[in-house]
Every structure is written in structure tokens, then in C-alpha cells.
Amino acid sequence: MPDTRKKQLDKFKEAARQLEADEDEERFEQKLKKLVQQKPDEKKSDE
């Protein structure tokens, strides 16, 4: 793996950790449902 590609992978992994990303599919689904349940932006719905 080229050095620059490895650095990019490390940056991605660090960003995922900061976002509390998880490989557990069930936890992913729970977090996704929280996002989906949010009310839509009223300004956008008027268009």
C-alpha cells in the first residue's frame, strides 16, 4: 500500500472514530432511524 494511501486510510479511520461510527449493523440501523425521524425543514417543504 503506497504511503499516501495509508495516510488517507488512517485519516478516514480517525474521522469514523470521531463520528462514533460503528460496524455493528443493528446500532447503525438505530442511529439511522433517529435521523429519519427528524422533522423536515419547513423552509424546504414550501418550495
N, C-alpha and C. Protein backbone atom coordinates (compact mmCIF):
# COMPACT_ATOMS: atom_id res chain seq x y z
N MET A 1 0.86 -1.17 0.00
CA MET A 1 0.00 0.00 0.00
C MET A 1 0.90 1.23 0.00
N PRO A 2 0.71 2.11 -0.97
CA PRO A 2 1.52 3.32 -1.01
C PRO A 2 1.33 4.14 0.26
N ASP A 3 2.38 4.89 0.63
CA ASP A 3 2.37 5.67 1.86
C ASP A 3 1.21 6.67 1.89
N THR A 4 0.93 7.35 0.78
CA THR A 4 -0.15 8.35 0.76
C THR A 4 -1.50 7.68 0.95
N ARG A 5 -1.68 6.50 0.38
CA ARG A 5 -2.94 5.77 0.53
C ARG A 5 -3.13 5.34 1.98
N LYS A 6 -2.06 4.92 2.63
CA LYS A 6 -2.15 4.51 4.02
C LYS A 6 -2.52 5.71 4.90
N LYS A 7 -1.93 6.85 4.63
CA LYS A 7 -2.25 8.05 5.39
C LYS A 7 -3.73 8.41 5.22
N GLN A 8 -4.25 8.28 4.01
CA GLN A 8 -5.65 8.58 3.74
C GLN A 8 -6.55 7.61 4.52
N LEU A 9 -6.19 6.35 4.56
CA LEU A 9 -6.94 5.35 5.29
C LEU A 9 -6.94 5.67 6.79
N ASP A 10 -5.79 6.07 7.31
CA ASP A 10 -5.71 6.44 8.72
C ASP A 10 -6.58 7.65 9.03
N LYS A 11 -6.61 8.63 8.12
CA LYS A 11 -7.46 9.81 8.31
C LYS A 11 -8.93 9.40 8.31
N PHE A 12 -9.29 8.50 7.41
CA PHE A 12 -10.67 8.02 7.34
C PHE A 12 -11.06 7.31 8.63
N LYS A 13 -10.19 6.45 9.11
CA LYS A 13 -10.48 5.71 10.34
C LYS A 13 -10.64 6.67 11.52
N GLU A 14 -9.80 7.67 11.60
CA GLU A 14 -9.88 8.65 12.68
C GLU A 14 -11.19 9.44 12.59
N ALA A 15 -11.58 9.84 11.39
CA ALA A 15 -12.84 10.56 11.21
C ALA A 15 -14.01 9.68 11.62
N ALA A 16 -13.96 8.42 11.28
CA ALA A 16 -15.03 7.49 11.64
C ALA A 16 -15.12 7.34 13.16
N ARG A 17 -13.98 7.31 13.82
CA ARG A 17 -13.98 7.22 15.29
C ARG A 17 -14.60 8.47 15.90
N GLN A 18 -14.25 9.63 15.36
CA GLN A 18 -14.78 10.89 15.88
C GLN A 18 -16.29 10.97 15.70
N LEU A 19 -16.79 10.39 14.62
CA LEU A 19 -18.23 10.39 14.36
C LEU A 19 -18.94 9.24 15.07
N GLU A 20 -18.17 8.49 15.86
CA GLU A 20 -18.69 7.33 16.58
C GLU A 20 -19.31 6.32 15.63
N ALA A 21 -18.67 6.12 14.49
CA ALA A 21 -19.13 5.13 13.53
C ALA A 21 -18.96 3.75 14.13
N ASP A 22 -19.80 2.85 13.72
CA ASP A 22 -19.81 1.52 14.31
C ASP A 22 -20.07 0.50 13.21
N GLU A 23 -19.38 -0.61 13.26
CA GLU A 23 -19.59 -1.66 12.26
C GLU A 23 -20.78 -2.54 12.60
N ASP A 24 -21.35 -2.39 13.79
CA ASP A 24 -22.50 -3.19 14.20
C ASP A 24 -23.73 -2.72 13.42
N GLU A 25 -24.30 -3.60 12.62
CA GLU A 25 -25.42 -3.24 11.75
C GLU A 25 -26.64 -2.78 12.55
N GLU A 26 -26.90 -3.41 13.67
CA GLU A 26 -28.06 -3.05 14.49
C GLU A 26 -27.92 -1.62 15.03
N ARG A 27 -26.73 -1.27 15.51
CA ARG A 27 -26.50 0.09 16.02
C ARG A 27 -26.60 1.10 14.89
N PHE A 28 -26.12 0.71 13.71
CA PHE A 28 -26.24 1.59 12.54
C PHE A 28 -27.71 1.88 12.24
N GLU A 29 -28.52 0.84 12.25
CA GLU A 29 -29.96 0.99 11.98
C GLU A 29 -30.61 1.90 13.02
N GLN A 30 -30.23 1.76 14.28
CA GLN A 30 -30.80 2.60 15.34
C GLN A 30 -30.45 4.07 15.10
N LYS A 31 -29.21 4.34 14.76
CA LYS A 31 -28.79 5.72 14.51
C LYS A 31 -29.47 6.27 13.27
N LEU A 32 -29.63 5.44 12.25
CA LEU A 32 -30.29 5.87 11.03
C LEU A 32 -31.75 6.23 11.30
N LYS A 33 -32.42 5.43 12.11
CA LYS A 33 -33.82 5.70 12.44
C LYS A 33 -33.95 7.03 13.17
N LYS A 34 -32.99 7.38 14.00
CA LYS A 34 -33.03 8.67 14.70
C LYS A 34 -32.96 9.81 13.68
N LEU A 35 -32.15 9.65 12.67
CA LEU A 35 -32.03 10.69 11.64
C LEU A 35 -33.30 10.80 10.82
N VAL A 36 -33.89 9.67 10.50
CA VAL A 36 -35.09 9.64 9.66
C VAL A 36 -36.28 10.24 10.39
N GLN A 37 -36.33 10.11 11.70
CA GLN A 37 -37.46 10.58 12.48
C GLN A 37 -37.46 12.09 12.67
N GLN A 38 -36.41 12.77 12.31
CA GLN A 38 -36.35 14.21 12.48
C GLN A 38 -37.34 14.89 11.56
N LYS A 39 -37.89 16.00 12.04
CA LYS A 39 -38.86 16.75 11.24
C LYS A 39 -38.15 17.38 10.05
N PRO A 40 -38.82 17.43 8.90
CA PRO A 40 -38.22 18.07 7.72
C PRO A 40 -38.13 19.57 7.93
N ASP A 41 -37.21 20.18 7.26
CA ASP A 41 -37.02 21.63 7.32
C ASP A 41 -38.21 22.30 6.65
N GLU A 42 -38.93 23.15 7.38
CA GLU A 42 -40.14 23.79 6.86
C GLU A 42 -39.84 24.66 5.65
N LYS A 43 -38.70 25.31 5.63
CA LYS A 43 -38.35 26.19 4.52
C LYS A 43 -38.27 25.41 3.20
N LYS A 44 -37.71 24.22 3.25
CA LYS A 44 -37.56 23.41 2.06
C LYS A 44 -38.89 22.85 1.58
N SER A 45 -39.82 22.55 2.48
CA SER A 45 -41.09 21.97 2.10
C SER A 45 -42.01 22.97 1.40
N ASP A 46 -41.73 24.28 1.55
CA ASP A 46 -42.54 25.32 0.90
C ASP A 46 -42.25 25.46 -0.58
N GLU A 47 -41.16 24.91 -1.03
CA GLU A 47 -40.74 25.08 -2.43
C GLU A 47 -41.61 24.31 -3.38
